[in-house]
Amino acid sequence: MTLSLTAQAQSAQDVEQAKAAAGSWLALADSNRAASTWTEAAEPFQKAVSQSDWTQALQALRAPLGPLKSRTVKSATFAKNPPGAPEGEYVVIVYASTFANKPDAVETVTPARAKDGNWKVSGYFLR
């Protein structure tokens, strides 16, 4: 029983740390610092897309939305070695977001634990 509670506590701590990393990363995106979001992303993310391509894609995605009005965490789920992703620990965070020109947006940010133990964003989706 103690082992299970310890694992749950660690997982909850991981989720909170990942949420903090995602919040910092989103703040960069919200302030039109697309190039910085790439710099602060996880290594596999950086290997999958160039900084230039990512910057252009994020700007094209976010510009029509207008300024962020609000963002609330809907869910945050810890996952270890999820299918289709590099082996590792992830937290899938889903936000209900309101932008000036899109009041019902859903953002999904997926931080992954980096080799140094810190959480870095490895995926971003917006619908």
N, C-alpha and C. Protein backbone atom coordinates (compact mmCIF):
# COMPACT_ATOMS: atom_id res chain seq x y z
N MET A 1 0.83 -1.19 0.00
CA MET A 1 0.00 0.00 0.00
C MET A 1 0.87 1.25 0.00
N THR A 2 1.95 1.26 0.77
CA THR A 2 2.82 2.43 0.83
C THR A 2 3.47 2.70 -0.52
N LEU A 3 3.90 1.65 -1.21
CA LEU A 3 4.52 1.80 -2.52
C LEU A 3 3.54 2.45 -3.50
N SER A 4 2.30 2.02 -3.48
CA SER A 4 1.29 2.58 -4.37
C SER A 4 1.05 4.06 -4.07
N LEU A 5 0.97 4.41 -2.80
CA LEU A 5 0.76 5.81 -2.42
C LEU A 5 1.96 6.67 -2.81
N THR A 6 3.16 6.12 -2.67
CA THR A 6 4.37 6.84 -3.07
C THR A 6 4.37 7.09 -4.57
N ALA A 7 4.00 6.08 -5.34
CA ALA A 7 3.94 6.22 -6.80
C ALA A 7 2.90 7.26 -7.20
N GLN A 8 1.74 7.25 -6.53
CA GLN A 8 0.70 8.23 -6.83
C GLN A 8 1.18 9.64 -6.49
N ALA A 9 1.86 9.79 -5.37
CA ALA A 9 2.36 11.11 -4.97
C ALA A 9 3.40 11.60 -5.97
N GLN A 10 4.30 10.71 -6.42
CA GLN A 10 5.31 11.09 -7.40
C GLN A 10 4.65 11.49 -8.71
N SER A 11 3.68 10.71 -9.14
CA SER A 11 2.97 11.01 -10.38
C SER A 11 2.25 12.35 -10.28
N ALA A 12 1.63 12.65 -9.14
CA ALA A 12 0.96 13.94 -8.95
C ALA A 12 1.97 15.08 -8.99
N GLN A 13 3.14 14.86 -8.39
CA GLN A 13 4.20 15.88 -8.42
C GLN A 13 4.69 16.08 -9.86
N ASP A 14 4.84 14.99 -10.61
CA ASP A 14 5.24 15.09 -12.01
C ASP A 14 4.23 15.90 -12.81
N VAL A 15 2.95 15.64 -12.58
CA VAL A 15 1.90 16.36 -13.30
C VAL A 15 2.00 17.86 -13.01
N GLU A 16 2.21 18.22 -11.76
CA GLU A 16 2.31 19.64 -11.40
C GLU A 16 3.53 20.29 -12.05
N GLN A 17 4.66 19.58 -12.06
CA GLN A 17 5.86 20.12 -12.69
C GLN A 17 5.67 20.26 -14.20
N ALA A 18 5.02 19.28 -14.81
CA ALA A 18 4.75 19.35 -16.25
C ALA A 18 3.79 20.49 -16.57
N LYS A 19 2.78 20.70 -15.72
CA LYS A 19 1.85 21.81 -15.94
C LYS A 19 2.57 23.15 -15.86
N ALA A 20 3.52 23.27 -14.94
CA ALA A 20 4.29 24.51 -14.83
C ALA A 20 5.13 24.73 -16.09
N ALA A 21 5.76 23.67 -16.60
CA ALA A 21 6.55 23.78 -17.83
C ALA A 21 5.67 24.15 -19.01
N ALA A 22 4.50 23.53 -19.10
CA ALA A 22 3.57 23.85 -20.19
C ALA A 22 3.10 25.30 -20.10
N GLY A 23 2.84 25.77 -18.88
CA GLY A 23 2.41 27.15 -18.70
C GLY A 23 3.46 28.15 -19.15
N SER A 24 4.71 27.87 -18.81
CA SER A 24 5.81 28.75 -19.24
C SER A 24 5.95 28.74 -20.76
N TRP A 25 5.82 27.57 -21.35
CA TRP A 25 5.93 27.43 -22.80
C TRP A 25 4.78 28.16 -23.50
N LEU A 26 3.57 28.00 -22.98
CA LEU A 26 2.42 28.68 -23.57
C LEU A 26 2.54 30.20 -23.45
N ALA A 27 3.14 30.66 -22.35
CA ALA A 27 3.34 32.11 -22.19
C ALA A 27 4.22 32.66 -23.32
N LEU A 28 5.20 31.87 -23.75
CA LEU A 28 6.03 32.29 -24.89
C LEU A 28 5.18 32.37 -26.16
N ALA A 29 4.36 31.36 -26.38
CA ALA A 29 3.49 31.36 -27.56
C ALA A 29 2.51 32.53 -27.51
N ASP A 30 1.97 32.79 -26.32
CA ASP A 30 1.00 33.88 -26.16
C ASP A 30 1.60 35.25 -26.40
N SER A 31 2.90 35.38 -26.19
CA SER A 31 3.57 36.67 -26.38
C SER A 31 4.29 36.74 -27.74
N ASN A 32 3.83 35.89 -28.67
CA ASN A 32 4.36 35.89 -30.05
C ASN A 32 5.86 35.59 -30.11
N ARG A 33 6.33 34.73 -29.23
CA ARG A 33 7.75 34.35 -29.23
C ARG A 33 7.87 32.91 -29.73
N ALA A 34 7.41 32.70 -30.96
CA ALA A 34 7.36 31.36 -31.55
C ALA A 34 8.74 30.71 -31.60
N ALA A 35 9.77 31.46 -31.96
CA ALA A 35 11.12 30.89 -32.04
C ALA A 35 11.56 30.39 -30.66
N SER A 36 11.18 31.10 -29.61
CA SER A 36 11.54 30.69 -28.25
C SER A 36 10.81 29.42 -27.83
N THR A 37 9.59 29.20 -28.36
CA THR A 37 8.90 27.96 -28.02
C THR A 37 9.67 26.76 -28.56
N TRP A 38 10.28 26.92 -29.73
CA TRP A 38 11.09 25.83 -30.30
C TRP A 38 12.34 25.62 -29.44
N THR A 39 12.99 26.71 -29.05
CA THR A 39 14.21 26.62 -28.24
C THR A 39 13.94 25.92 -26.91
N GLU A 40 12.76 26.15 -26.34
CA GLU A 40 12.40 25.58 -25.04
C GLU A 40 11.72 24.23 -25.15
N ALA A 41 11.56 23.70 -26.35
CA ALA A 41 10.88 22.42 -26.55
C ALA A 41 11.82 21.24 -26.30
N ALA A 42 11.23 20.06 -26.20
CA ALA A 42 11.99 18.83 -26.00
C ALA A 42 12.85 18.52 -27.23
N GLU A 43 13.94 17.81 -26.99
CA GLU A 43 14.88 17.48 -28.07
C GLU A 43 14.23 16.73 -29.23
N PRO A 44 13.38 15.72 -28.99
CA PRO A 44 12.73 15.05 -30.13
C PRO A 44 11.87 16.00 -30.96
N PHE A 45 11.23 16.95 -30.32
CA PHE A 45 10.44 17.98 -31.01
C PHE A 45 11.35 18.77 -31.94
N GLN A 46 12.50 19.19 -31.41
CA GLN A 46 13.44 19.99 -32.20
C GLN A 46 14.02 19.19 -33.36
N LYS A 47 14.19 17.89 -33.18
CA LYS A 47 14.71 17.06 -34.26
C LYS A 47 13.66 16.82 -35.34
N ALA A 48 12.39 16.86 -34.96
CA ALA A 48 11.30 16.57 -35.90
C ALA A 48 10.98 17.74 -36.82
N VAL A 49 11.24 18.97 -36.36
CA VAL A 49 10.89 20.16 -37.15
C VAL A 49 11.94 21.23 -36.93
N SER A 50 12.31 21.93 -37.99
CA SER A 50 13.31 22.99 -37.85
C SER A 50 12.69 24.18 -37.12
N GLN A 51 13.54 25.00 -36.54
CA GLN A 51 13.06 26.19 -35.84
C GLN A 51 12.31 27.11 -36.79
N SER A 52 12.82 27.28 -37.99
CA SER A 52 12.18 28.14 -38.99
C SER A 52 10.79 27.62 -39.37
N ASP A 53 10.70 26.32 -39.66
CA ASP A 53 9.40 25.74 -40.03
C ASP A 53 8.41 25.82 -38.88
N TRP A 54 8.88 25.53 -37.65
CA TRP A 54 7.99 25.60 -36.49
C TRP A 54 7.51 27.03 -36.26
N THR A 55 8.42 27.98 -36.35
CA THR A 55 8.06 29.38 -36.12
C THR A 55 6.97 29.82 -37.11
N GLN A 56 7.16 29.49 -38.37
CA GLN A 56 6.16 29.85 -39.39
C GLN A 56 4.82 29.17 -39.13
N ALA A 57 4.86 27.89 -38.79
CA ALA A 57 3.63 27.13 -38.55
C ALA A 57 2.87 27.66 -37.34
N LEU A 58 3.58 27.92 -36.25
CA LEU A 58 2.92 28.40 -35.04
C LEU A 58 2.33 29.79 -35.26
N GLN A 59 3.07 30.65 -35.92
CA GLN A 59 2.56 31.99 -36.20
C GLN A 59 1.31 31.92 -37.09
N ALA A 60 1.33 31.06 -38.10
CA ALA A 60 0.18 30.92 -38.99
C ALA A 60 -1.03 30.36 -38.24
N LEU A 61 -0.79 29.47 -37.29
CA LEU A 61 -1.86 28.87 -36.51
C LEU A 61 -2.47 29.85 -35.52
N ARG A 62 -1.61 30.59 -34.82
CA ARG A 62 -2.08 31.43 -33.72
C ARG A 62 -2.53 32.83 -34.14
N ALA A 63 -1.95 33.41 -35.19
CA ALA A 63 -2.26 34.81 -35.55
C ALA A 63 -3.76 35.05 -35.78
N PRO A 64 -4.47 34.19 -36.50
CA PRO A 64 -5.90 34.45 -36.74
C PRO A 64 -6.75 34.40 -35.47
N LEU A 65 -6.24 33.78 -34.42
CA LEU A 65 -7.02 33.62 -33.19
C LEU A 65 -7.18 34.91 -32.41
N GLY A 66 -6.24 35.82 -32.57
CA GLY A 66 -6.23 37.04 -31.77
C GLY A 66 -5.67 36.75 -30.38
N PRO A 67 -5.72 37.74 -29.51
CA PRO A 67 -5.14 37.59 -28.17
C PRO A 67 -5.88 36.54 -27.32
N LEU A 68 -5.13 35.90 -26.44
CA LEU A 68 -5.70 34.96 -25.48
C LEU A 68 -6.53 35.73 -24.46
N LYS A 69 -7.73 35.24 -24.19
CA LYS A 69 -8.60 35.85 -23.17
C LYS A 69 -8.57 35.03 -21.88
N SER A 70 -8.58 33.70 -22.01
CA SER A 70 -8.53 32.84 -20.82
C SER A 70 -8.08 31.44 -21.22
N ARG A 71 -7.58 30.71 -20.23
CA ARG A 71 -7.14 29.33 -20.45
C ARG A 71 -7.31 28.59 -19.12
N THR A 72 -7.98 27.44 -19.17
CA THR A 72 -8.23 26.64 -17.99
C THR A 72 -7.84 25.19 -18.26
N VAL A 73 -7.15 24.57 -17.32
CA VAL A 73 -6.80 23.16 -17.47
C VAL A 73 -8.07 22.32 -17.33
N LYS A 74 -8.36 21.52 -18.37
CA LYS A 74 -9.49 20.58 -18.32
C LYS A 74 -9.04 19.24 -17.76
N SER A 75 -7.83 18.82 -18.15
CA SER A 75 -7.31 17.55 -17.65
C SER A 75 -5.80 17.53 -17.80
N ALA A 76 -5.16 16.72 -16.97
CA ALA A 76 -3.71 16.50 -17.05
C ALA A 76 -3.47 15.05 -16.65
N THR A 77 -2.95 14.28 -17.60
CA THR A 77 -2.82 12.84 -17.41
C THR A 77 -1.38 12.39 -17.61
N PHE A 78 -0.85 11.70 -16.61
CA PHE A 78 0.51 11.14 -16.68
C PHE A 78 0.48 9.88 -17.53
N ALA A 79 1.49 9.72 -18.41
CA ALA A 79 1.58 8.51 -19.24
C ALA A 79 3.04 8.10 -19.35
N LYS A 80 3.30 6.82 -19.17
CA LYS A 80 4.65 6.29 -19.34
C LYS A 80 4.67 5.40 -20.58
N ASN A 81 5.62 5.69 -21.48
CA ASN A 81 5.79 4.93 -22.72
C ASN A 81 4.50 4.81 -23.53
N PRO A 82 3.85 5.94 -23.86
CA PRO A 82 2.60 5.85 -24.63
C PRO A 82 2.87 5.35 -26.05
N PRO A 83 1.90 4.67 -26.65
CA PRO A 83 2.08 4.17 -28.01
C PRO A 83 2.31 5.32 -29.00
N GLY A 84 3.21 5.10 -29.94
CA GLY A 84 3.46 6.09 -30.99
C GLY A 84 4.39 7.22 -30.60
N ALA A 85 4.92 7.19 -29.40
CA ALA A 85 5.82 8.25 -28.93
C ALA A 85 7.14 7.60 -28.50
N PRO A 86 8.22 8.38 -28.52
CA PRO A 86 9.48 7.84 -27.99
C PRO A 86 9.29 7.39 -26.53
N GLU A 87 10.01 6.37 -26.13
CA GLU A 87 9.92 5.87 -24.77
C GLU A 87 10.19 6.99 -23.78
N GLY A 88 9.40 7.04 -22.72
CA GLY A 88 9.61 8.06 -21.69
C GLY A 88 8.35 8.37 -20.92
N GLU A 89 8.43 9.42 -20.12
CA GLU A 89 7.32 9.86 -19.29
C GLU A 89 6.75 11.15 -19.87
N TYR A 90 5.43 11.21 -19.95
CA TYR A 90 4.73 12.34 -20.55
C TYR A 90 3.56 12.75 -19.66
N VAL A 91 3.13 13.99 -19.82
CA VAL A 91 1.88 14.44 -19.23
C VAL A 91 1.10 15.11 -20.35
N VAL A 92 -0.09 14.62 -20.61
CA VAL A 92 -0.96 15.19 -21.64
C VAL A 92 -1.89 16.17 -20.94
N ILE A 93 -1.76 17.45 -21.30
CA ILE A 93 -2.54 18.51 -20.65
C ILE A 93 -3.50 19.10 -21.67
N VAL A 94 -4.78 19.10 -21.35
CA VAL A 94 -5.81 19.64 -22.23
C VAL A 94 -6.36 20.91 -21.58
N TYR A 95 -6.36 21.99 -22.37
CA TYR A 95 -6.84 23.29 -21.90
C TYR A 95 -8.09 23.70 -22.67
N ALA A 96 -9.04 24.29 -21.97
CA ALA A 96 -10.15 25.01 -22.60
C ALA A 96 -9.68 26.45 -22.70
N SER A 97 -9.52 26.94 -23.92
CA SER A 97 -8.94 28.27 -24.13
C SER A 97 -9.90 29.16 -24.89
N THR A 98 -9.87 30.43 -24.56
CA THR A 98 -10.68 31.43 -25.24
C THR A 98 -9.77 32.48 -25.83
N PHE A 99 -9.84 32.62 -27.14
CA PHE A 99 -9.10 33.66 -27.85
C PHE A 99 -10.11 34.67 -28.38
N ALA A 100 -9.64 35.86 -28.70
CA ALA A 100 -10.53 36.92 -29.18
C ALA A 100 -11.37 36.46 -30.37
N ASN A 101 -10.77 35.70 -31.29
CA ASN A 101 -11.47 35.28 -32.50
C ASN A 101 -11.84 33.79 -32.51
N LYS A 102 -11.60 33.11 -31.41
CA LYS A 102 -11.98 31.69 -31.29
C LYS A 102 -12.29 31.40 -29.82
N PRO A 103 -13.55 31.57 -29.46
CA PRO A 103 -13.91 31.46 -28.04
C PRO A 103 -13.94 30.04 -27.49
N ASP A 104 -13.91 29.04 -28.36
CA ASP A 104 -14.06 27.66 -27.88
C ASP A 104 -12.88 26.78 -28.30
N ALA A 105 -11.68 27.27 -28.16
CA ALA A 105 -10.49 26.51 -28.56
C ALA A 105 -10.15 25.45 -27.52
N VAL A 106 -9.55 24.37 -28.01
CA VAL A 106 -9.01 23.33 -27.14
C VAL A 106 -7.53 23.19 -27.50
N GLU A 107 -6.66 23.43 -26.52
CA GLU A 107 -5.22 23.28 -26.72
C GLU A 107 -4.77 22.03 -25.96
N THR A 108 -3.93 21.24 -26.60
CA THR A 108 -3.33 20.08 -25.95
C THR A 108 -1.82 20.27 -25.98
N VAL A 109 -1.22 20.28 -24.80
CA VAL A 109 0.23 20.44 -24.66
C VAL A 109 0.75 19.19 -23.98
N THR A 110 1.81 18.61 -24.54
CA THR A 110 2.36 17.38 -23.99
C THR A 110 3.82 17.55 -23.61
N PRO A 111 4.09 17.86 -22.34
CA PRO A 111 5.48 17.87 -21.88
C PRO A 111 6.00 16.44 -21.68
N ALA A 112 7.29 16.28 -21.92
CA ALA A 112 7.97 15.00 -21.69
C ALA A 112 9.14 15.27 -20.74
N ARG A 113 9.46 14.27 -19.93
CA ARG A 113 10.61 14.42 -19.04
C ARG A 113 11.89 14.30 -19.86
N ALA A 114 12.72 15.34 -19.80
CA ALA A 114 13.99 15.36 -20.53
C ALA A 114 15.04 14.54 -19.78
N LYS A 115 16.16 14.29 -20.43
CA LYS A 115 17.25 13.51 -19.83
C LYS A 115 17.74 14.13 -18.52
N ASP A 116 17.65 15.47 -18.41
CA ASP A 116 18.11 16.14 -17.19
C ASP A 116 17.05 16.14 -16.08
N GLY A 117 15.90 15.52 -16.34
CA GLY A 117 14.84 15.43 -15.34
C GLY A 117 13.81 16.54 -15.43
N ASN A 118 14.09 17.58 -16.20
CA ASN A 118 13.13 18.67 -16.36
C ASN A 118 12.07 18.28 -17.39
N TRP A 119 10.95 18.99 -17.35
CA TRP A 119 9.87 18.76 -18.29
C TRP A 119 9.97 19.76 -19.44
N LYS A 120 9.87 19.25 -20.67
CA LYS A 120 9.95 20.07 -21.88
C LYS A 120 8.78 19.69 -22.79
N VAL A 121 8.21 20.67 -23.46
CA VAL A 121 7.07 20.41 -24.34
C VAL A 121 7.52 19.60 -25.55
N SER A 122 6.80 18.51 -25.80
CA SER A 122 7.11 17.65 -26.94
C SER A 122 6.00 17.65 -27.98
N GLY A 123 4.89 18.31 -27.67
CA GLY A 123 3.79 18.38 -28.63
C GLY A 123 2.82 19.49 -28.29
N TYR A 124 2.24 20.09 -29.34
CA TYR A 124 1.24 21.14 -29.17
C TYR A 124 0.20 20.99 -30.28
N PHE A 125 -1.05 20.94 -29.89
CA PHE A 125 -2.15 20.83 -30.84
C PHE A 125 -3.22 21.82 -30.45
N LEU A 126 -3.88 22.38 -31.45
CA LEU A 126 -4.94 23.36 -31.20
C LEU A 126 -6.10 23.05 -32.13
N ARG A 127 -7.28 23.00 -31.55
CA ARG A 127 -8.47 22.85 -32.40
C ARG A 127 -9.58 23.72 -31.86
